[in-house]
Amino acid sequence: MAMDAHEIETLIRSALPDAQVEITDLAGDGDHYAATIVSEAFRGKSRVQQHQMVYAALQGNMGGVLHALALHTKVPEKA
């Protein structure tokens, strides 16, 4: 059973409460998503570390019920 976009967003927000999260279903099949995540928690972290934080938030679902997730992570722009 695939994960829906709302479930992905909920998991990410629970681990990164300040995050702005946008999930896009790439294929319309509920199995291939893209996520853009903006969080202050990413500041000072490498892109790999940022992605590892998101994968940890997904609680082991990546590669299982969540087949494909293209990640775009960034820190908020300073005003």
PDB file of N, CA and C in Angstrom:
ATOM      1  N   MET A   1       0.844  -1.175   0.000  1.00  0.00           N
ATOM      2  CA  MET A   1       0.000   0.000   0.000  1.00  0.00           C
ATOM      3  C   MET A   1       0.892   1.241   0.000  1.00  0.00           C
ATOM      4  N   ALA A   2       0.591   2.187  -0.878  1.00  0.00           N
ATOM      5  CA  ALA A   2       1.380   3.402  -1.016  1.00  0.00           C
ATOM      6  C   ALA A   2       1.001   4.421   0.058  1.00  0.00           C
ATOM      7  N   MET A   3       1.916   5.355   0.307  1.00  0.00           N
ATOM      8  CA  MET A   3       1.640   6.455   1.227  1.00  0.00           C
ATOM      9  C   MET A   3       0.996   7.588   0.447  1.00  0.00           C
ATOM     10  N   ASP A   4       0.081   8.317   1.092  1.00  0.00           N
ATOM     11  CA  ASP A   4      -0.463   9.473   0.402  1.00  0.00           C
ATOM     12  C   ASP A   4       0.315  10.722   0.802  1.00  0.00           C
ATOM     13  N   ALA A   5       0.140  11.797   0.043  1.00  0.00           N
ATOM     14  CA  ALA A   5       0.898  13.027   0.242  1.00  0.00           C
ATOM     15  C   ALA A   5       0.687  13.600   1.639  1.00  0.00           C
ATOM     16  N   HIS A   6      -0.519  13.519   2.143  1.00  0.00           N
ATOM     17  CA  HIS A   6      -0.813  14.059   3.476  1.00  0.00           C
ATOM     18  C   HIS A   6      -0.012  13.320   4.553  1.00  0.00           C
ATOM     19  N   GLU A   7       0.098  12.020   4.422  1.00  0.00           N
ATOM     20  CA  GLU A   7       0.850  11.227   5.396  1.00  0.00           C
ATOM     21  C   GLU A   7       2.343  11.582   5.353  1.00  0.00           C
ATOM     22  N   ILE A   8       2.877  11.772   4.157  1.00  0.00           N
ATOM     23  CA  ILE A   8       4.280  12.166   4.007  1.00  0.00           C
ATOM     24  C   ILE A   8       4.503  13.517   4.683  1.00  0.00           C
ATOM     25  N   GLU A   9       3.614  14.462   4.397  1.00  0.00           N
ATOM     26  CA  GLU A   9       3.730  15.801   4.977  1.00  0.00           C
ATOM     27  C   GLU A   9       3.635  15.759   6.501  1.00  0.00           C
ATOM     28  N   THR A  10       2.727  14.959   7.026  1.00  0.00           N
ATOM     29  CA  THR A  10       2.554  14.846   8.476  1.00  0.00           C
ATOM     30  C   THR A  10       3.817  14.310   9.144  1.00  0.00           C
ATOM     31  N   LEU A  11       4.432  13.294   8.560  1.00  0.00           N
ATOM     32  CA  LEU A  11       5.659  12.730   9.126  1.00  0.00           C
ATOM     33  C   LEU A  11       6.791  13.760   9.126  1.00  0.00           C
ATOM     34  N   ILE A  12       6.918  14.488   8.022  1.00  0.00           N
ATOM     35  CA  ILE A  12       7.982  15.492   7.919  1.00  0.00           C
ATOM     36  C   ILE A  12       7.746  16.608   8.934  1.00  0.00           C
ATOM     37  N   ARG A  13       6.508  17.085   9.026  1.00  0.00           N
ATOM     38  CA  ARG A  13       6.199  18.175   9.962  1.00  0.00           C
ATOM     39  C   ARG A  13       6.366  17.746  11.420  1.00  0.00           C
ATOM     40  N   SER A  14       6.143  16.480  11.715  1.00  0.00           N
ATOM     41  CA  SER A  14       6.315  16.030  13.103  1.00  0.00           C
ATOM     42  C   SER A  14       7.789  16.067  13.497  1.00  0.00           C
ATOM     43  N   ALA A  15       8.692  15.822  12.548  1.00  0.00           N
ATOM     44  CA  ALA A  15      10.127  15.846  12.834  1.00  0.00           C
ATOM     45  C   ALA A  15      10.722  17.247  12.677  1.00  0.00           C
ATOM     46  N   LEU A  16      10.130  18.031  11.787  1.00  0.00           N
ATOM     47  CA  LEU A  16      10.629  19.388  11.513  1.00  0.00           C
ATOM     48  C   LEU A  16       9.451  20.355  11.631  1.00  0.00           C
ATOM     49  N   PRO A  17       9.055  20.697  12.856  1.00  0.00           N
ATOM     50  CA  PRO A  17       7.818  21.462  13.074  1.00  0.00           C
ATOM     51  C   PRO A  17       7.754  22.816  12.366  1.00  0.00           C
ATOM     52  N   ASP A  18       8.918  23.441  12.113  1.00  0.00           N
ATOM     53  CA  ASP A  18       8.914  24.746  11.452  1.00  0.00           C
ATOM     54  C   ASP A  18       8.865  24.642   9.933  1.00  0.00           C
ATOM     55  N   ALA A  19       8.899  23.443   9.400  1.00  0.00           N
ATOM     56  CA  ALA A  19       9.063  23.242   7.962  1.00  0.00           C
ATOM     57  C   ALA A  19       7.870  23.724   7.146  1.00  0.00           C
ATOM     58  N   GLN A  20       8.211  24.313   6.013  1.00  0.00           N
ATOM     59  CA  GLN A  20       7.238  24.563   4.959  1.00  0.00           C
ATOM     60  C   GLN A  20       7.386  23.364   4.019  1.00  0.00           C
ATOM     61  N   VAL A  21       6.309  22.641   3.799  1.00  0.00           N
ATOM     62  CA  VAL A  21       6.377  21.397   3.035  1.00  0.00           C
ATOM     63  C   VAL A  21       5.399  21.460   1.865  1.00  0.00           C
ATOM     64  N   GLU A  22       5.903  21.140   0.685  1.00  0.00           N
ATOM     65  CA  GLU A  22       5.058  21.044  -0.501  1.00  0.00           C
ATOM     66  C   GLU A  22       5.308  19.684  -1.147  1.00  0.00           C
ATOM     67  N   ILE A  23       4.262  18.883  -1.249  1.00  0.00           N
ATOM     68  CA  ILE A  23       4.368  17.541  -1.820  1.00  0.00           C
ATOM     69  C   ILE A  23       3.634  17.528  -3.162  1.00  0.00           C
ATOM     70  N   THR A  24       4.271  16.973  -4.185  1.00  0.00           N
ATOM     71  CA  THR A  24       3.672  16.855  -5.511  1.00  0.00           C
ATOM     72  C   THR A  24       3.677  15.394  -5.931  1.00  0.00           C
ATOM     73  N   ASP A  25       2.515  14.890  -6.352  1.00  0.00           N
ATOM     74  CA  ASP A  25       2.425  13.527  -6.886  1.00  0.00           C
ATOM     75  C   ASP A  25       2.857  13.590  -8.348  1.00  0.00           C
ATOM     76  N   LEU A  26       4.024  13.058  -8.655  1.00  0.00           N
ATOM     77  CA  LEU A  26       4.614  13.207  -9.977  1.00  0.00           C
ATOM     78  C   LEU A  26       3.929  12.404 -11.070  1.00  0.00           C
ATOM     79  N   ALA A  27       3.426  11.234 -10.728  1.00  0.00           N
ATOM     80  CA  ALA A  27       2.870  10.347 -11.747  1.00  0.00           C
ATOM     81  C   ALA A  27       1.366  10.143 -11.594  1.00  0.00           C
ATOM     82  N   GLY A  28       0.784  10.710 -10.561  1.00  0.00           N
ATOM     83  CA  GLY A  28      -0.641  10.521 -10.327  1.00  0.00           C
ATOM     84  C   GLY A  28      -0.982   9.130  -9.823  1.00  0.00           C
ATOM     85  N   ASP A  29       0.048   8.398  -9.386  1.00  0.00           N
ATOM     86  CA  ASP A  29      -0.173   7.013  -8.964  1.00  0.00           C
ATOM     87  C   ASP A  29      -0.037   6.824  -7.455  1.00  0.00           C
ATOM     88  N   GLY A  30       0.217   7.924  -6.719  1.00  0.00           N
ATOM     89  CA  GLY A  30       0.390   7.809  -5.275  1.00  0.00           C
ATOM     90  C   GLY A  30       1.648   7.065  -4.892  1.00  0.00           C
ATOM     91  N   ASP A  31       2.590   6.962  -5.795  1.00  0.00           N
ATOM     92  CA  ASP A  31       3.794   6.170  -5.545  1.00  0.00           C
ATOM     93  C   ASP A  31       5.087   6.924  -5.862  1.00  0.00           C
ATOM     94  N   HIS A  32       4.979   8.018  -6.615  1.00  0.00           N
ATOM     95  CA  HIS A  32       6.147   8.790  -7.024  1.00  0.00           C
ATOM     96  C   HIS A  32       5.893  10.256  -6.689  1.00  0.00           C
ATOM     97  N   TYR A  33       6.646  10.775  -5.724  1.00  0.00           N
ATOM     98  CA  TYR A  33       6.424  12.128  -5.232  1.00  0.00           C
ATOM     99  C   TYR A  33       7.684  12.971  -5.341  1.00  0.00           C
ATOM    100  N   ALA A  34       7.462  14.283  -5.323  1.00  0.00           N
ATOM    101  CA  ALA A  34       8.538  15.247  -5.126  1.00  0.00           C
ATOM    102  C   ALA A  34       8.154  16.057  -3.898  1.00  0.00           C
ATOM    103  N   ALA A  35       9.134  16.413  -3.098  1.00  0.00           N
ATOM    104  CA  ALA A  35       8.884  17.214  -1.906  1.00  0.00           C
ATOM    105  C   ALA A  35       9.871  18.372  -1.860  1.00  0.00           C
ATOM    106  N   THR A  36       9.331  19.559  -1.630  1.00  0.00           N
ATOM    107  CA  THR A  36      10.150  20.730  -1.378  1.00  0.00           C
ATOM    108  C   THR A  36       9.958  21.073   0.089  1.00  0.00           C
ATOM    109  N   ILE A  37      11.055  21.129   0.817  1.00  0.00           N
ATOM    110  CA  ILE A  37      10.997  21.335   2.263  1.00  0.00           C
ATOM    111  C   ILE A  37      11.944  22.470   2.631  1.00  0.00           C
ATOM    112  N   VAL A  38      11.399  23.470   3.303  1.00  0.00           N
ATOM    113  CA  VAL A  38      12.183  24.610   3.763  1.00  0.00           C
ATOM    114  C   VAL A  38      12.149  24.586   5.289  1.00  0.00           C
ATOM    115  N   SER A  39      13.323  24.532   5.912  1.00  0.00           N
ATOM    116  CA  SER A  39      13.374  24.469   7.372  1.00  0.00           C
ATOM    117  C   SER A  39      14.660  25.102   7.891  1.00  0.00           C
ATOM    118  N   GLU A  40      14.531  25.842   8.975  1.00  0.00           N
ATOM    119  CA  GLU A  40      15.696  26.416   9.642  1.00  0.00           C
ATOM    120  C   GLU A  40      16.614  25.305  10.158  1.00  0.00           C
ATOM    121  N   ALA A  41      16.058  24.133  10.445  1.00  0.00           N
ATOM    122  CA  ALA A  41      16.851  23.003  10.950  1.00  0.00           C
ATOM    123  C   ALA A  41      17.923  22.568   9.953  1.00  0.00           C
ATOM    124  N   PHE A  42      17.776  22.938   8.685  1.00  0.00           N
ATOM    125  CA  PHE A  42      18.749  22.566   7.655  1.00  0.00           C
ATOM    126  C   PHE A  42      19.966  23.488   7.639  1.00  0.00           C
ATOM    127  N   ARG A  43      19.871  24.638   8.285  1.00  0.00           N
ATOM    128  CA  ARG A  43      20.966  25.617   8.231  1.00  0.00           C
ATOM    129  C   ARG A  43      22.261  24.993   8.753  1.00  0.00           C
ATOM    130  N   GLY A  44      23.338  25.182   7.959  1.00  0.00           N
ATOM    131  CA  GLY A  44      24.651  24.668   8.346  1.00  0.00           C
ATOM    132  C   GLY A  44      24.858  23.196   8.023  1.00  0.00           C
ATOM    133  N   LYS A  45      23.848  22.540   7.491  1.00  0.00           N
ATOM    134  CA  LYS A  45      23.936  21.117   7.150  1.00  0.00           C
ATOM    135  C   LYS A  45      24.205  20.966   5.644  1.00  0.00           C
ATOM    136  N   SER A  46      24.924  19.922   5.286  1.00  0.00           N
ATOM    137  CA  SER A  46      25.127  19.633   3.863  1.00  0.00           C
ATOM    138  C   SER A  46      23.823  19.114   3.260  1.00  0.00           C
ATOM    139  N   ARG A  47      23.751  19.100   1.964  1.00  0.00           N
ATOM    140  CA  ARG A  47      22.565  18.591   1.281  1.00  0.00           C
ATOM    141  C   ARG A  47      22.299  17.137   1.685  1.00  0.00           C
ATOM    142  N   VAL A  48      23.348  16.349   1.781  1.00  0.00           N
ATOM    143  CA  VAL A  48      23.194  14.949   2.194  1.00  0.00           C
ATOM    144  C   VAL A  48      22.614  14.863   3.603  1.00  0.00           C
ATOM    145  N   GLN A  49      23.131  15.679   4.519  1.00  0.00           N
ATOM    146  CA  GLN A  49      22.611  15.673   5.886  1.00  0.00           C
ATOM    147  C   GLN A  49      21.144  16.113   5.931  1.00  0.00           C
ATOM    148  N   GLN A  50      20.792  17.105   5.115  1.00  0.00           N
ATOM    149  CA  GLN A  50      19.406  17.558   5.040  1.00  0.00           C
ATOM    150  C   GLN A  50      18.493  16.422   4.579  1.00  0.00           C
ATOM    151  N   HIS A  51      18.911  15.723   3.547  1.00  0.00           N
ATOM    152  CA  HIS A  51      18.113  14.616   3.028  1.00  0.00           C
ATOM    153  C   HIS A  51      18.024  13.485   4.044  1.00  0.00           C
ATOM    154  N   GLN A  52      19.107  13.230   4.764  1.00  0.00           N
ATOM    155  CA  GLN A  52      19.075  12.202   5.806  1.00  0.00           C
ATOM    156  C   GLN A  52      18.068  12.560   6.891  1.00  0.00           C
ATOM    157  N   MET A  53      17.950  13.840   7.206  1.00  0.00           N
ATOM    158  CA  MET A  53      16.973  14.285   8.204  1.00  0.00           C
ATOM    159  C   MET A  53      15.552  13.987   7.733  1.00  0.00           C
ATOM    160  N   VAL A  54      15.301  14.223   6.446  1.00  0.00           N
ATOM    161  CA  VAL A  54      13.966  13.952   5.898  1.00  0.00           C
ATOM    162  C   VAL A  54      13.708  12.445   5.881  1.00  0.00           C
ATOM    163  N   TYR A  55      14.682  11.662   5.441  1.00  0.00           N
ATOM    164  CA  TYR A  55      14.506  10.207   5.433  1.00  0.00           C
ATOM    165  C   TYR A  55      14.238   9.677   6.839  1.00  0.00           C
ATOM    166  N   ALA A  56      14.933  10.222   7.836  1.00  0.00           N
ATOM    167  CA  ALA A  56      14.689   9.810   9.222  1.00  0.00           C
ATOM    168  C   ALA A  56      13.262  10.147   9.635  1.00  0.00           C
ATOM    169  N   ALA A  57      12.768  11.292   9.192  1.00  0.00           N
ATOM    170  CA  ALA A  57      11.398  11.703   9.513  1.00  0.00           C
ATOM    171  C   ALA A  57      10.371  10.736   8.923  1.00  0.00           C
ATOM    172  N   LEU A  58      10.728  10.101   7.826  1.00  0.00           N
ATOM    173  CA  LEU A  58       9.803   9.177   7.156  1.00  0.00           C
ATOM    174  C   LEU A  58       9.768   7.799   7.822  1.00  0.00           C
ATOM    175  N   GLN A  59      10.519   7.643   8.886  1.00  0.00           N
ATOM    176  CA  GLN A  59      10.446   6.472   9.761  1.00  0.00           C
ATOM    177  C   GLN A  59      10.564   5.128   9.040  1.00  0.00           C
ATOM    178  N   GLY A  60      11.536   5.038   8.149  1.00  0.00           N
ATOM    179  CA  GLY A  60      11.800   3.770   7.484  1.00  0.00           C
ATOM    180  C   GLY A  60      10.872   3.436   6.336  1.00  0.00           C
ATOM    181  N   ASN A  61       9.972   4.333   5.974  1.00  0.00           N
ATOM    182  CA  ASN A  61       9.035   4.063   4.884  1.00  0.00           C
ATOM    183  C   ASN A  61       9.647   4.252   3.498  1.00  0.00           C
ATOM    184  N   MET A  62      10.762   4.994   3.410  1.00  0.00           N
ATOM    185  CA  MET A  62      11.397   5.226   2.120  1.00  0.00           C
ATOM    186  C   MET A  62      11.932   3.911   1.575  1.00  0.00           C
ATOM    187  N   GLY A  63      11.599   3.605   0.342  1.00  0.00           N
ATOM    188  CA  GLY A  63      12.035   2.364  -0.279  1.00  0.00           C
ATOM    189  C   GLY A  63      11.088   1.214  -0.015  1.00  0.00           C
ATOM    190  N   GLY A  64      10.120   1.420   0.852  1.00  0.00           N
ATOM    191  CA  GLY A  64       9.095   0.404   1.141  1.00  0.00           C
ATOM    192  C   GLY A  64       7.767   0.883   0.596  1.00  0.00           C
ATOM    193  N   VAL A  65       6.895   1.333   1.494  1.00  0.00           N
ATOM    194  CA  VAL A  65       5.587   1.825   1.041  1.00  0.00           C
ATOM    195  C   VAL A  65       5.720   3.134   0.274  1.00  0.00           C
ATOM    196  N   LEU A  66       6.813   3.847   0.497  1.00  0.00           N
ATOM    197  CA  LEU A  66       7.087   5.054  -0.279  1.00  0.00           C
ATOM    198  C   LEU A  66       8.181   4.714  -1.273  1.00  0.00           C
ATOM    199  N   HIS A  67       7.790   4.542  -2.517  1.00  0.00           N
ATOM    200  CA  HIS A  67       8.696   4.023  -3.541  1.00  0.00           C
ATOM    201  C   HIS A  67       9.713   5.063  -4.013  1.00  0.00           C
ATOM    202  N   ALA A  68       9.249   6.271  -4.350  1.00  0.00           N
ATOM    203  CA  ALA A  68      10.150   7.276  -4.905  1.00  0.00           C
ATOM    204  C   ALA A  68       9.791   8.656  -4.379  1.00  0.00           C
ATOM    205  N   LEU A  69      10.809   9.380  -3.910  1.00  0.00           N
ATOM    206  CA  LEU A  69      10.610  10.726  -3.403  1.00  0.00           C
ATOM    207  C   LEU A  69      11.805  11.580  -3.820  1.00  0.00           C
ATOM    208  N   ALA A  70      11.563  12.525  -4.728  1.00  0.00           N
ATOM    209  CA  ALA A  70      12.596  13.473  -5.138  1.00  0.00           C
ATOM    210  C   ALA A  70      12.583  14.616  -4.131  1.00  0.00           C
ATOM    211  N   LEU A  71      13.711  14.849  -3.477  1.00  0.00           N
ATOM    212  CA  LEU A  71      13.781  15.860  -2.427  1.00  0.00           C
ATOM    213  C   LEU A  71      14.464  17.134  -2.900  1.00  0.00           C
ATOM    214  N   HIS A  72      13.879  18.262  -2.508  1.00  0.00           N
ATOM    215  CA  HIS A  72      14.484  19.580  -2.682  1.00  0.00           C
ATOM    216  C   HIS A  72      14.419  20.215  -1.301  1.00  0.00           C
ATOM    217  N   THR A  73      15.572  20.365  -0.666  1.00  0.00           N
ATOM    218  CA  THR A  73      15.602  20.926   0.681  1.00  0.00           C
ATOM    219  C   THR A  73      16.354  22.248   0.640  1.00  0.00           C
ATOM    220  N   LYS A  74      15.929  23.181   1.499  1.00  0.00           N
ATOM    221  CA  LYS A  74      16.618  24.459   1.589  1.00  0.00           C
ATOM    222  C   LYS A  74      16.301  25.134   2.921  1.00  0.00           C
ATOM    223  N   VAL A  75      17.126  26.133   3.240  1.00  0.00           N
ATOM    224  CA  VAL A  75      16.909  26.920   4.453  1.00  0.00           C
ATOM    225  C   VAL A  75      16.099  28.151   4.067  1.00  0.00           C
ATOM    226  N   PRO A  76      15.363  28.703   5.023  1.00  0.00           N
ATOM    227  CA  PRO A  76      14.605  29.920   4.712  1.00  0.00           C
ATOM    228  C   PRO A  76      15.544  31.073   4.387  1.00  0.00           C
ATOM    229  N   GLU A  77      15.093  31.931   3.492  1.00  0.00           N
ATOM    230  CA  GLU A  77      15.885  33.124   3.155  1.00  0.00           C
ATOM    231  C   GLU A  77      15.729  34.122   4.293  1.00  0.00           C
ATOM    232  N   LYS A  78      16.829  34.782   4.593  1.00  0.00           N
ATOM    233  CA  LYS A  78      16.777  35.802   5.651  1.00  0.00           C
ATOM    234  C   LYS A  78      16.185  37.078   5.067  1.00  0.00           C
ATOM    235  N   ALA A  79      15.335  37.715   5.877  1.00  0.00           N
ATOM    236  CA  ALA A  79      14.670  38.940   5.405  1.00  0.00           C
ATOM    237  C   ALA A  79      15.585  40.126   5.408  1.00  0.00           C
TER     238      ALA A  79
END
